[in-house]
Amino acid sequence: QVQLVESGGGLVQAGGSLRLSCAASGSIATIRTMGWYRQAPGKQRELVAAITGGGSANYVDSVKGRFTISRDNAKNTVSLQMNALKPEDTAVYYCNAEILRINYWGQGTQVTVSS
């Protein structure tokens, strides 16, 4: 059994910053790719950022230069530092981890950016 727990969501004004964190626990083998997805009302879920065990990261174009993903393999955690937030970043953010070709998901954390 694997659990992913997110934290750090909340309400912030445009231009502000927020840091999301996710911790994996339970019966864990090697975690390969970890990432953050988001889903806004009426929109499809999209990959925001992903990072491999070796530290190679990818970002959706809309957040490049503003968001930074990082992970600690020993602690099985992944974080997303979000700077210069915009109202269009408002969404529920979900943590994801791939373990033995199975995808695990957190419950999601709400991020709301006001103008």
PDB file of N, CA and C in Angstrom:
ATOM      1  N   GLN A   1       0.829  -1.171   0.000  1.00  0.00           N
ATOM      2  CA  GLN A   1       0.000   0.000   0.000  1.00  0.00           C
ATOM      3  C   GLN A   1       0.884   1.248   0.000  1.00  0.00           C
ATOM      4  N   VAL A   2       0.570   2.173  -0.904  1.00  0.00           N
ATOM      5  CA  VAL A   2       1.314   3.421  -1.025  1.00  0.00           C
ATOM      6  C   VAL A   2       0.365   4.594  -0.836  1.00  0.00           C
ATOM      7  N   GLN A   3       0.815   5.585  -0.089  1.00  0.00           N
ATOM      8  CA  GLN A   3       0.038   6.791   0.121  1.00  0.00           C
ATOM      9  C   GLN A   3       0.861   8.015  -0.273  1.00  0.00           C
ATOM     10  N   LEU A   4       0.200   8.980  -0.899  1.00  0.00           N
ATOM     11  CA  LEU A   4       0.822  10.251  -1.231  1.00  0.00           C
ATOM     12  C   LEU A   4       0.020  11.343  -0.541  1.00  0.00           C
ATOM     13  N   VAL A   5       0.698  12.197   0.192  1.00  0.00           N
ATOM     14  CA  VAL A   5       0.032  13.268   0.921  1.00  0.00           C
ATOM     15  C   VAL A   5       0.624  14.605   0.529  1.00  0.00           C
ATOM     16  N   GLU A   6      -0.233  15.507   0.010  1.00  0.00           N
ATOM     17  CA  GLU A   6       0.202  16.831  -0.395  1.00  0.00           C
ATOM     18  C   GLU A   6      -0.049  17.848   0.714  1.00  0.00           C
ATOM     19  N   SER A   7       0.725  18.921   0.681  1.00  0.00           N
ATOM     20  CA  SER A   7       0.523  20.023   1.606  1.00  0.00           C
ATOM     21  C   SER A   7       1.029  21.300   0.959  1.00  0.00           C
ATOM     22  N   GLY A   8       0.604  22.438   1.479  1.00  0.00           N
ATOM     23  CA  GLY A   8       1.107  23.718   1.012  1.00  0.00           C
ATOM     24  C   GLY A   8       0.165  24.538   0.164  1.00  0.00           C
ATOM     25  N   GLY A   9      -0.999  23.991  -0.186  1.00  0.00           N
ATOM     26  CA  GLY A   9      -1.948  24.747  -0.976  1.00  0.00           C
ATOM     27  C   GLY A   9      -2.568  25.865  -0.162  1.00  0.00           C
ATOM     28  N   GLY A  10      -3.224  26.794  -0.858  1.00  0.00           N
ATOM     29  CA  GLY A  10      -3.862  27.899  -0.170  1.00  0.00           C
ATOM     30  C   GLY A  10      -4.220  29.026  -1.098  1.00  0.00           C
ATOM     31  N   LEU A  11      -4.516  30.173  -0.497  1.00  0.00           N
ATOM     32  CA  LEU A  11      -4.901  31.376  -1.237  1.00  0.00           C
ATOM     33  C   LEU A  11      -3.752  32.366  -1.233  1.00  0.00           C
ATOM     34  N   VAL A  12      -3.423  32.886  -2.409  1.00  0.00           N
ATOM     35  CA  VAL A  12      -2.335  33.843  -2.527  1.00  0.00           C
ATOM     36  C   VAL A  12      -2.682  34.887  -3.584  1.00  0.00           C
ATOM     37  N   GLN A  13      -2.149  36.095  -3.428  1.00  0.00           N
ATOM     38  CA  GLN A  13      -2.378  37.141  -4.411  1.00  0.00           C
ATOM     39  C   GLN A  13      -1.471  36.967  -5.623  1.00  0.00           C
ATOM     40  N   ALA A  14      -1.914  37.485  -6.757  1.00  0.00           N
ATOM     41  CA  ALA A  14      -1.109  37.427  -7.968  1.00  0.00           C
ATOM     42  C   ALA A  14       0.267  38.028  -7.712  1.00  0.00           C
ATOM     43  N   GLY A  15       1.290  37.354  -8.209  1.00  0.00           N
ATOM     44  CA  GLY A  15       2.651  37.797  -7.994  1.00  0.00           C
ATOM     45  C   GLY A  15       3.307  37.160  -6.787  1.00  0.00           C
ATOM     46  N   GLY A  16       2.525  36.491  -5.974  1.00  0.00           N
ATOM     47  CA  GLY A  16       3.043  35.857  -4.779  1.00  0.00           C
ATOM     48  C   GLY A  16       3.630  34.488  -5.045  1.00  0.00           C
ATOM     49  N   SER A  17       4.043  33.826  -3.968  1.00  0.00           N
ATOM     50  CA  SER A  17       4.676  32.518  -4.067  1.00  0.00           C
ATOM     51  C   SER A  17       4.012  31.501  -3.156  1.00  0.00           C
ATOM     52  N   LEU A  18       4.161  30.247  -3.517  1.00  0.00           N
ATOM     53  CA  LEU A  18       3.611  29.153  -2.741  1.00  0.00           C
ATOM     54  C   LEU A  18       4.498  27.931  -2.981  1.00  0.00           C
ATOM     55  N   ARG A  19       4.653  27.103  -1.970  1.00  0.00           N
ATOM     56  CA  ARG A  19       5.449  25.887  -2.112  1.00  0.00           C
ATOM     57  C   ARG A  19       4.609  24.675  -1.753  1.00  0.00           C
ATOM     58  N   LEU A  20       4.477  23.747  -2.688  1.00  0.00           N
ATOM     59  CA  LEU A  20       3.749  22.516  -2.476  1.00  0.00           C
ATOM     60  C   LEU A  20       4.722  21.389  -2.163  1.00  0.00           C
ATOM     61  N   SER A  21       4.326  20.505  -1.259  1.00  0.00           N
ATOM     62  CA  SER A  21       5.158  19.368  -0.906  1.00  0.00           C
ATOM     63  C   SER A  21       4.325  18.098  -0.941  1.00  0.00           C
ATOM     64  N   CYS A  22       4.980  16.986  -1.223  1.00  0.00           N
ATOM     65  CA  CYS A  22       4.308  15.691  -1.284  1.00  0.00           C
ATOM     66  C   CYS A  22       5.226  14.635  -0.700  1.00  0.00           C
ATOM     67  N   ALA A  23       4.685  13.812   0.179  1.00  0.00           N
ATOM     68  CA  ALA A  23       5.452  12.744   0.800  1.00  0.00           C
ATOM     69  C   ALA A  23       4.812  11.394   0.497  1.00  0.00           C
ATOM     70  N   ALA A  24       5.611  10.450   0.042  1.00  0.00           N
ATOM     71  CA  ALA A  24       5.139   9.097  -0.230  1.00  0.00           C
ATOM     72  C   ALA A  24       5.496   8.191   0.941  1.00  0.00           C
ATOM     73  N   SER A  25       4.571   7.320   1.299  1.00  0.00           N
ATOM     74  CA  SER A  25       4.816   6.395   2.399  1.00  0.00           C
ATOM     75  C   SER A  25       4.132   5.064   2.119  1.00  0.00           C
ATOM     76  N   GLY A  26       4.504   4.038   2.890  1.00  0.00           N
ATOM     77  CA  GLY A  26       3.924   2.718   2.720  1.00  0.00           C
ATOM     78  C   GLY A  26       4.937   1.733   2.167  1.00  0.00           C
ATOM     79  N   SER A  27       4.439   0.739   1.451  1.00  0.00           N
ATOM     80  CA  SER A  27       5.301  -0.275   0.854  1.00  0.00           C
ATOM     81  C   SER A  27       5.849   0.273  -0.454  1.00  0.00           C
ATOM     82  N   ILE A  28       7.042   0.823  -0.388  1.00  0.00           N
ATOM     83  CA  ILE A  28       7.616   1.523  -1.529  1.00  0.00           C
ATOM     84  C   ILE A  28       8.879   0.850  -2.054  1.00  0.00           C
ATOM     85  N   ALA A  29       8.865   0.568  -3.335  1.00  0.00           N
ATOM     86  CA  ALA A  29      10.063   0.148  -4.038  1.00  0.00           C
ATOM     87  C   ALA A  29      10.675   1.425  -4.603  1.00  0.00           C
ATOM     88  N   THR A  30      11.450   1.307  -5.645  1.00  0.00           N
ATOM     89  CA  THR A  30      12.068   2.496  -6.233  1.00  0.00           C
ATOM     90  C   THR A  30      11.026   3.351  -6.939  1.00  0.00           C
ATOM     91  N   ILE A  31      10.954   4.624  -6.546  1.00  0.00           N
ATOM     92  CA  ILE A  31      10.066   5.567  -7.212  1.00  0.00           C
ATOM     93  C   ILE A  31      10.801   6.130  -8.412  1.00  0.00           C
ATOM     94  N   ARG A  32      10.213   5.983  -9.571  1.00  0.00           N
ATOM     95  CA  ARG A  32      10.841   6.520 -10.768  1.00  0.00           C
ATOM     96  C   ARG A  32      10.402   7.969 -10.940  1.00  0.00           C
ATOM     97  N   THR A  33       9.605   8.259 -11.936  1.00  0.00           N
ATOM     98  CA  THR A  33       9.186   9.641 -12.142  1.00  0.00           C
ATOM     99  C   THR A  33       8.180  10.091 -11.085  1.00  0.00           C
ATOM    100  N   MET A  34       8.366  11.302 -10.568  1.00  0.00           N
ATOM    101  CA  MET A  34       7.402  11.942  -9.686  1.00  0.00           C
ATOM    102  C   MET A  34       7.002  13.244 -10.356  1.00  0.00           C
ATOM    103  N   GLY A  35       5.780  13.693 -10.093  1.00  0.00           N
ATOM    104  CA  GLY A  35       5.350  14.913 -10.741  1.00  0.00           C
ATOM    105  C   GLY A  35       4.157  15.571 -10.094  1.00  0.00           C
ATOM    106  N   TRP A  36       3.819  16.730 -10.634  1.00  0.00           N
ATOM    107  CA  TRP A  36       2.663  17.497 -10.201  1.00  0.00           C
ATOM    108  C   TRP A  36       1.752  17.746 -11.386  1.00  0.00           C
ATOM    109  N   TYR A  37       0.479  17.445 -11.211  1.00  0.00           N
ATOM    110  CA  TYR A  37      -0.549  17.715 -12.201  1.00  0.00           C
ATOM    111  C   TYR A  37      -1.515  18.728 -11.608  1.00  0.00           C
ATOM    112  N   ARG A  38      -2.295  19.380 -12.473  1.00  0.00           N
ATOM    113  CA  ARG A  38      -3.308  20.294 -11.973  1.00  0.00           C
ATOM    114  C   ARG A  38      -4.549  20.218 -12.851  1.00  0.00           C
ATOM    115  N   GLN A  39      -5.684  20.536 -12.258  1.00  0.00           N
ATOM    116  CA  GLN A  39      -6.936  20.546 -12.985  1.00  0.00           C
ATOM    117  C   GLN A  39      -7.787  21.725 -12.525  1.00  0.00           C
ATOM    118  N   ALA A  40      -8.096  22.607 -13.457  1.00  0.00           N
ATOM    119  CA  ALA A  40      -8.952  23.749 -13.196  1.00  0.00           C
ATOM    120  C   ALA A  40     -10.377  23.395 -13.600  1.00  0.00           C
ATOM    121  N   PRO A  41     -11.369  24.094 -13.041  1.00  0.00           N
ATOM    122  CA  PRO A  41     -12.764  23.811 -13.388  1.00  0.00           C
ATOM    123  C   PRO A  41     -13.008  23.906 -14.887  1.00  0.00           C
ATOM    124  N   GLY A  42     -13.638  22.877 -15.459  1.00  0.00           N
ATOM    125  CA  GLY A  42     -13.948  22.880 -16.872  1.00  0.00           C
ATOM    126  C   GLY A  42     -12.785  22.570 -17.791  1.00  0.00           C
ATOM    127  N   LYS A  43     -11.629  22.262 -17.238  1.00  0.00           N
ATOM    128  CA  LYS A  43     -10.461  21.971 -18.050  1.00  0.00           C
ATOM    129  C   LYS A  43      -9.928  20.563 -17.778  1.00  0.00           C
ATOM    130  N   GLN A  44      -9.152  20.054 -18.717  1.00  0.00           N
ATOM    131  CA  GLN A  44      -8.542  18.747 -18.556  1.00  0.00           C
ATOM    132  C   GLN A  44      -7.371  18.819 -17.585  1.00  0.00           C
ATOM    133  N   ARG A  45      -7.079  17.699 -16.946  1.00  0.00           N
ATOM    134  CA  ARG A  45      -5.930  17.635 -16.076  1.00  0.00           C
ATOM    135  C   ARG A  45      -4.668  17.716 -16.928  1.00  0.00           C
ATOM    136  N   GLU A  46      -3.701  18.509 -16.503  1.00  0.00           N
ATOM    137  CA  GLU A  46      -2.469  18.657 -17.251  1.00  0.00           C
ATOM    138  C   GLU A  46      -1.253  18.437 -16.371  1.00  0.00           C
ATOM    139  N   LEU A  47      -0.200  17.960 -16.985  1.00  0.00           N
ATOM    140  CA  LEU A  47       1.066  17.794 -16.287  1.00  0.00           C
ATOM    141  C   LEU A  47       1.725  19.156 -16.153  1.00  0.00           C
ATOM    142  N   VAL A  48       2.046  19.534 -14.932  1.00  0.00           N
ATOM    143  CA  VAL A  48       2.697  20.808 -14.669  1.00  0.00           C
ATOM    144  C   VAL A  48       4.210  20.647 -14.698  1.00  0.00           C
ATOM    145  N   ALA A  49       4.701  19.659 -13.969  1.00  0.00           N
ATOM    146  CA  ALA A  49       6.133  19.409 -13.892  1.00  0.00           C
ATOM    147  C   ALA A  49       6.383  17.968 -13.494  1.00  0.00           C
ATOM    148  N   ALA A  50       7.480  17.400 -13.977  1.00  0.00           N
ATOM    149  CA  ALA A  50       7.858  16.039 -13.630  1.00  0.00           C
ATOM    150  C   ALA A  50       9.362  15.972 -13.453  1.00  0.00           C
ATOM    151  N   ILE A  51       9.810  15.029 -12.638  1.00  0.00           N
ATOM    152  CA  ILE A  51      11.233  14.889 -12.378  1.00  0.00           C
ATOM    153  C   ILE A  51      11.588  13.419 -12.219  1.00  0.00           C
ATOM    154  N   THR A  52      12.675  12.993 -12.853  1.00  0.00           N
ATOM    155  CA  THR A  52      13.118  11.614 -12.773  1.00  0.00           C
ATOM    156  C   THR A  52      13.984  11.410 -11.542  1.00  0.00           C
ATOM    157  N   GLY A  53      14.292  10.141 -11.256  1.00  0.00           N
ATOM    158  CA  GLY A  53      15.156   9.839 -10.132  1.00  0.00           C
ATOM    159  C   GLY A  53      16.536  10.444 -10.287  1.00  0.00           C
ATOM    160  N   GLY A  54      16.958  10.646 -11.522  1.00  0.00           N
ATOM    161  CA  GLY A  54      18.253  11.244 -11.785  1.00  0.00           C
ATOM    162  C   GLY A  54      18.262  12.757 -11.747  1.00  0.00           C
ATOM    163  N   GLY A  55      17.089  13.370 -11.555  1.00  0.00           N
ATOM    164  CA  GLY A  55      17.012  14.817 -11.429  1.00  0.00           C
ATOM    165  C   GLY A  55      16.672  15.575 -12.698  1.00  0.00           C
ATOM    166  N   SER A  56      16.345  14.878 -13.775  1.00  0.00           N
ATOM    167  CA  SER A  56      15.958  15.544 -15.014  1.00  0.00           C
ATOM    168  C   SER A  56      14.513  16.011 -14.910  1.00  0.00           C
ATOM    169  N   ALA A  57      14.276  17.308 -15.142  1.00  0.00           N
ATOM    170  CA  ALA A  57      12.957  17.894 -14.969  1.00  0.00           C
ATOM    171  C   ALA A  57      12.366  18.418 -16.267  1.00  0.00           C
ATOM    172  N   ASN A  58      11.037  18.382 -16.344  1.00  0.00           N
ATOM    173  CA  ASN A  58      10.298  18.928 -17.480  1.00  0.00           C
ATOM    174  C   ASN A  58       9.141  19.751 -16.955  1.00  0.00           C
ATOM    175  N   TYR A  59       8.794  20.824 -17.681  1.00  0.00           N
ATOM    176  CA  TYR A  59       7.723  21.717 -17.276  1.00  0.00           C
ATOM    177  C   TYR A  59       6.811  22.044 -18.446  1.00  0.00           C
ATOM    178  N   VAL A  60       5.548  22.283 -18.143  1.00  0.00           N
ATOM    179  CA  VAL A  60       4.643  22.788 -19.161  1.00  0.00           C
ATOM    180  C   VAL A  60       5.072  24.221 -19.472  1.00  0.00           C
ATOM    181  N   ASP A  61       4.926  24.640 -20.723  1.00  0.00           N
ATOM    182  CA  ASP A  61       5.428  25.942 -21.154  1.00  0.00           C
ATOM    183  C   ASP A  61       4.929  27.110 -20.301  1.00  0.00           C
ATOM    184  N   SER A  62       3.704  27.047 -19.854  1.00  0.00           N
ATOM    185  CA  SER A  62       3.105  28.160 -19.136  1.00  0.00           C
ATOM    186  C   SER A  62       3.734  28.444 -17.773  1.00  0.00           C
ATOM    187  N   VAL A  63       4.515  27.511 -17.236  1.00  0.00           N
ATOM    188  CA  VAL A  63       5.116  27.722 -15.918  1.00  0.00           C
ATOM    189  C   VAL A  63       6.635  27.808 -15.960  1.00  0.00           C
ATOM    190  N   LYS A  64       7.225  27.644 -17.114  1.00  0.00           N
ATOM    191  CA  LYS A  64       8.677  27.701 -17.227  1.00  0.00           C
ATOM    192  C   LYS A  64       9.205  29.060 -16.770  1.00  0.00           C
ATOM    193  N   GLY A  65      10.237  29.020 -15.959  1.00  0.00           N
ATOM    194  CA  GLY A  65      10.813  30.239 -15.429  1.00  0.00           C
ATOM    195  C   GLY A  65      10.167  30.708 -14.148  1.00  0.00           C
ATOM    196  N   ARG A  66       9.032  30.128 -13.778  1.00  0.00           N
ATOM    197  CA  ARG A  66       8.326  30.529 -12.567  1.00  0.00           C
ATOM    198  C   ARG A  66       8.264  29.407 -11.527  1.00  0.00           C
ATOM    199  N   PHE A  67       8.126  28.172 -11.988  1.00  0.00           N
ATOM    200  CA  PHE A  67       8.013  27.020 -11.092  1.00  0.00           C
ATOM    201  C   PHE A  67       9.298  26.196 -11.111  1.00  0.00           C
ATOM    202  N   THR A  68       9.615  25.572  -9.984  1.00  0.00           N
ATOM    203  CA  THR A  68      10.766  24.693  -9.883  1.00  0.00           C
ATOM    204  C   THR A  68      10.379  23.426  -9.123  1.00  0.00           C
ATOM    205  N   ILE A  69      10.637  22.271  -9.727  1.00  0.00           N
ATOM    206  CA  ILE A  69      10.338  21.001  -9.075  1.00  0.00           C
ATOM    207  C   ILE A  69      11.635  20.406  -8.532  1.00  0.00           C
ATOM    208  N   SER A  70      11.542  19.753  -7.386  1.00  0.00           N
ATOM    209  CA  SER A  70      12.703  19.116  -6.787  1.00  0.00           C
ATOM    210  C   SER A  70      12.256  17.874  -6.029  1.00  0.00           C
ATOM    211  N   ARG A  71      13.187  16.977  -5.741  1.00  0.00           N
ATOM    212  CA  ARG A  71      12.848  15.765  -4.995  1.00  0.00           C
ATOM    213  C   ARG A  71      14.002  15.320  -4.121  1.00  0.00           C
ATOM    214  N   ASP A  72      13.659  14.556  -3.111  1.00  0.00           N
ATOM    215  CA  ASP A  72      14.631  13.952  -2.216  1.00  0.00           C
ATOM    216  C   ASP A  72      14.370  12.455  -2.271  1.00  0.00           C
ATOM    217  N   ASN A  73      15.215  11.730  -2.976  1.00  0.00           N
ATOM    218  CA  ASN A  73      14.999  10.297  -3.163  1.00  0.00           C
ATOM    219  C   ASN A  73      15.053   9.504  -1.855  1.00  0.00           C
ATOM    220  N   ALA A  74      15.906   9.915  -0.944  1.00  0.00           N
ATOM    221  CA  ALA A  74      16.033   9.216   0.327  1.00  0.00           C
ATOM    222  C   ALA A  74      14.780   9.356   1.177  1.00  0.00           C
ATOM    223  N   LYS A  75      14.114  10.508   1.078  1.00  0.00           N
ATOM    224  CA  LYS A  75      12.921  10.774   1.877  1.00  0.00           C
ATOM    225  C   LYS A  75      11.619  10.511   1.123  1.00  0.00           C
ATOM    226  N   ASN A  76      11.724  10.180  -0.163  1.00  0.00           N
ATOM    227  CA  ASN A  76      10.547   9.936  -1.001  1.00  0.00           C
ATOM    228  C   ASN A  76       9.599  11.134  -1.003  1.00  0.00           C
ATOM    229  N   THR A  77      10.173  12.305  -1.211  1.00  0.00           N
ATOM    230  CA  THR A  77       9.381  13.520  -1.261  1.00  0.00           C
ATOM    231  C   THR A  77       9.636  14.279  -2.557  1.00  0.00           C
ATOM    232  N   VAL A  78       8.661  15.075  -2.954  1.00  0.00           N
ATOM    233  CA  VAL A  78       8.792  15.941  -4.115  1.00  0.00           C
ATOM    234  C   VAL A  78       8.127  17.266  -3.778  1.00  0.00           C
ATOM    235  N   SER A  79       8.720  18.364  -4.240  1.00  0.00           N
ATOM    236  CA  SER A  79       8.193  19.690  -3.955  1.00  0.00           C
ATOM    237  C   SER A  79       8.053  20.493  -5.232  1.00  0.00           C
ATOM    238  N   LEU A  80       7.201  21.500  -5.180  1.00  0.00           N
ATOM    239  CA  LEU A  80       7.014  22.406  -6.307  1.00  0.00           C
ATOM    240  C   LEU A  80       7.005  23.824  -5.768  1.00  0.00           C
ATOM    241  N   GLN A  81       8.055  24.578  -6.085  1.00  0.00           N
ATOM    242  CA  GLN A  81       8.137  25.977  -5.704  1.00  0.00           C
ATOM    243  C   GLN A  81       7.491  26.798  -6.808  1.00  0.00           C
ATOM    244  N   MET A  82       6.468  27.573  -6.462  1.00  0.00           N
ATOM    245  CA  MET A  82       5.723  28.354  -7.440  1.00  0.00           C
ATOM    246  C   MET A  82       5.897  29.835  -7.134  1.00  0.00           C
ATOM    247  N   ASN A  83       6.503  30.556  -8.066  1.00  0.00           N
ATOM    248  CA  ASN A  83       6.723  31.987  -7.925  1.00  0.00           C
ATOM    249  C   ASN A  83       5.957  32.747  -8.998  1.00  0.00           C
ATOM    250  N   ALA A  84       5.792  34.053  -8.780  1.00  0.00           N
ATOM    251  CA  ALA A  84       5.103  34.919  -9.736  1.00  0.00           C
ATOM    252  C   ALA A  84       3.771  34.305 -10.169  1.00  0.00           C
ATOM    253  N   LEU A  85       2.993  33.884  -9.199  1.00  0.00           N
ATOM    254  CA  LEU A  85       1.737  33.208  -9.485  1.00  0.00           C
ATOM    255  C   LEU A  85       0.734  34.109 -10.189  1.00  0.00           C
ATOM    256  N   LYS A  86      -0.033  33.509 -11.086  1.00  0.00           N
ATOM    257  CA  LYS A  86      -1.043  34.196 -11.865  1.00  0.00           C
ATOM    258  C   LYS A  86      -2.414  33.593 -11.584  1.00  0.00           C
ATOM    259  N   PRO A  87      -3.493  34.359 -11.788  1.00  0.00           N
ATOM    260  CA  PRO A  87      -4.838  33.800 -11.574  1.00  0.00           C
ATOM    261  C   PRO A  87      -5.079  32.524 -12.379  1.00  0.00           C
ATOM    262  N   GLU A  88      -4.487  32.412 -13.551  1.00  0.00           N
ATOM    263  CA  GLU A  88      -4.671  31.222 -14.366  1.00  0.00           C
ATOM    264  C   GLU A  88      -3.982  29.980 -13.806  1.00  0.00           C
ATOM    265  N   ASP A  89      -3.185  30.149 -12.755  1.00  0.00           N
ATOM    266  CA  ASP A  89      -2.583  29.002 -12.080  1.00  0.00           C
ATOM    267  C   ASP A  89      -3.559  28.353 -11.100  1.00  0.00           C
ATOM    268  N   THR A  90      -4.693  28.986 -10.873  1.00  0.00           N
ATOM    269  CA  THR A  90      -5.689  28.454  -9.949  1.00  0.00           C
ATOM    270  C   THR A  90      -6.171  27.086 -10.406  1.00  0.00           C
ATOM    271  N   ALA A  91      -6.072  26.103  -9.519  1.00  0.00           N
ATOM    272  CA  ALA A  91      -6.459  24.729  -9.840  1.00  0.00           C
ATOM    273  C   ALA A  91      -6.254  23.847  -8.620  1.00  0.00           C
ATOM    274  N   VAL A  92      -6.717  22.614  -8.729  1.00  0.00           N
ATOM    275  CA  VAL A  92      -6.380  21.607  -7.741  1.00  0.00           C
ATOM    276  C   VAL A  92      -5.110  20.932  -8.233  1.00  0.00           C
ATOM    277  N   TYR A  93      -4.112  20.880  -7.383  1.00  0.00           N
ATOM    278  CA  TYR A  93      -2.833  20.291  -7.750  1.00  0.00           C
ATOM    279  C   TYR A  93      -2.698  18.900  -7.134  1.00  0.00           C
ATOM    280  N   TYR A  94      -2.289  17.934  -7.957  1.00  0.00           N
ATOM    281  CA  TYR A  94      -2.163  16.551  -7.534  1.00  0.00           C
ATOM    282  C   TYR A  94      -0.729  16.050  -7.649  1.00  0.00           C
ATOM    283  N   CYS A  95      -0.276  15.363  -6.639  1.00  0.00           N
ATOM    284  CA  CYS A  95       1.031  14.725  -6.649  1.00  0.00           C
ATOM    285  C   CYS A  95       0.897  13.350  -7.294  1.00  0.00           C
ATOM    286  N   ASN A  96       1.905  12.963  -8.057  1.00  0.00           N
ATOM    287  CA  ASN A  96       1.900  11.671  -8.731  1.00  0.00           C
ATOM    288  C   ASN A  96       3.258  10.994  -8.579  1.00  0.00           C
ATOM    289  N   ALA A  97       3.232   9.670  -8.425  1.00  0.00           N
ATOM    290  CA  ALA A  97       4.464   8.901  -8.352  1.00  0.00           C
ATOM    291  C   ALA A  97       4.275   7.576  -9.070  1.00  0.00           C
ATOM    292  N   GLU A  98       5.278   7.186  -9.834  1.00  0.00           N
ATOM    293  CA  GLU A  98       5.244   5.903 -10.520  1.00  0.00           C
ATOM    294  C   GLU A  98       6.134   4.918  -9.782  1.00  0.00           C
ATOM    295  N   ILE A  99       5.547   3.804  -9.365  1.00  0.00           N
ATOM    296  CA  ILE A  99       6.266   2.761  -8.649  1.00  0.00           C
ATOM    297  C   ILE A  99       5.941   1.424  -9.299  1.00  0.00           C
ATOM    298  N   LEU A 100       6.943   0.758  -9.828  1.00  0.00           N
ATOM    299  CA  LEU A 100       6.764  -0.526 -10.506  1.00  0.00           C
ATOM    300  C   LEU A 100       5.674  -0.441 -11.568  1.00  0.00           C
ATOM    301  N   ARG A 101       5.714   0.606 -12.360  1.00  0.00           N
ATOM    302  CA  ARG A 101       4.808   0.860 -13.478  1.00  0.00           C
ATOM    303  C   ARG A 101       3.368   1.141 -13.051  1.00  0.00           C
ATOM    304  N   ILE A 102       3.150   1.410 -11.798  1.00  0.00           N
ATOM    305  CA  ILE A 102       1.824   1.760 -11.301  1.00  0.00           C
ATOM    306  C   ILE A 102       1.837   3.216 -10.855  1.00  0.00           C
ATOM    307  N   ASN A 103       0.839   3.982 -11.264  1.00  0.00           N
ATOM    308  CA  ASN A 103       0.734   5.378 -10.883  1.00  0.00           C
ATOM    309  C   ASN A 103      -0.097   5.543  -9.617  1.00  0.00           C
ATOM    310  N   TYR A 104       0.451   6.310  -8.673  1.00  0.00           N
ATOM    311  CA  TYR A 104      -0.245   6.614  -7.431  1.00  0.00           C
ATOM    312  C   TYR A 104      -0.516   8.111  -7.378  1.00  0.00           C
ATOM    313  N   TRP A 105      -1.644   8.472  -6.779  1.00  0.00           N
ATOM    314  CA  TRP A 105      -2.079   9.861  -6.739  1.00  0.00           C
ATOM    315  C   TRP A 105      -2.417  10.315  -5.332  1.00  0.00           C
ATOM    316  N   GLY A 106      -2.121  11.573  -5.057  1.00  0.00           N
ATOM    317  CA  GLY A 106      -2.533  12.169  -3.805  1.00  0.00           C
ATOM    318  C   GLY A 106      -3.975  12.634  -3.914  1.00  0.00           C
ATOM    319  N   GLN A 107      -4.517  13.159  -2.829  1.00  0.00           N
ATOM    320  CA  GLN A 107      -5.908  13.607  -2.804  1.00  0.00           C
ATOM    321  C   GLN A 107      -6.100  14.973  -3.457  1.00  0.00           C
ATOM    322  N   GLY A 108      -5.027  15.703  -3.633  1.00  0.00           N
ATOM    323  CA  GLY A 108      -5.097  17.011  -4.251  1.00  0.00           C
ATOM    324  C   GLY A 108      -5.110  18.131  -3.227  1.00  0.00           C
ATOM    325  N   THR A 109      -4.568  19.269  -3.616  1.00  0.00           N
ATOM    326  CA  THR A 109      -4.574  20.445  -2.760  1.00  0.00           C
ATOM    327  C   THR A 109      -4.941  21.662  -3.604  1.00  0.00           C
ATOM    328  N   GLN A 110      -5.839  22.487  -3.085  1.00  0.00           N
ATOM    329  CA  GLN A 110      -6.348  23.635  -3.834  1.00  0.00           C
ATOM    330  C   GLN A 110      -5.377  24.808  -3.783  1.00  0.00           C
ATOM    331  N   VAL A 111      -5.100  25.359  -4.952  1.00  0.00           N
ATOM    332  CA  VAL A 111      -4.306  26.580  -5.066  1.00  0.00           C
ATOM    333  C   VAL A 111      -5.184  27.633  -5.727  1.00  0.00           C
ATOM    334  N   THR A 112      -5.388  28.753  -5.041  1.00  0.00           N
ATOM    335  CA  THR A 112      -6.199  29.830  -5.574  1.00  0.00           C
ATOM    336  C   THR A 112      -5.377  31.110  -5.611  1.00  0.00           C
ATOM    337  N   VAL A 113      -5.302  31.718  -6.785  1.00  0.00           N
ATOM    338  CA  VAL A 113      -4.543  32.953  -6.968  1.00  0.00           C
ATOM    339  C   VAL A 113      -5.521  34.072  -7.294  1.00  0.00           C
ATOM    340  N   SER A 114      -5.569  35.083  -6.454  1.00  0.00           N
ATOM    341  CA  SER A 114      -6.486  36.199  -6.646  1.00  0.00           C
ATOM    342  C   SER A 114      -5.767  37.396  -7.243  1.00  0.00           C
ATOM    343  N   SER A 115      -6.533  38.252  -7.921  1.00  0.00           N
ATOM    344  CA  SER A 115      -5.982  39.475  -8.493  1.00  0.00           C
ATOM    345  C   SER A 115      -6.169  40.648  -7.559  1.00  0.00           C
TER     346      SER A 115
END
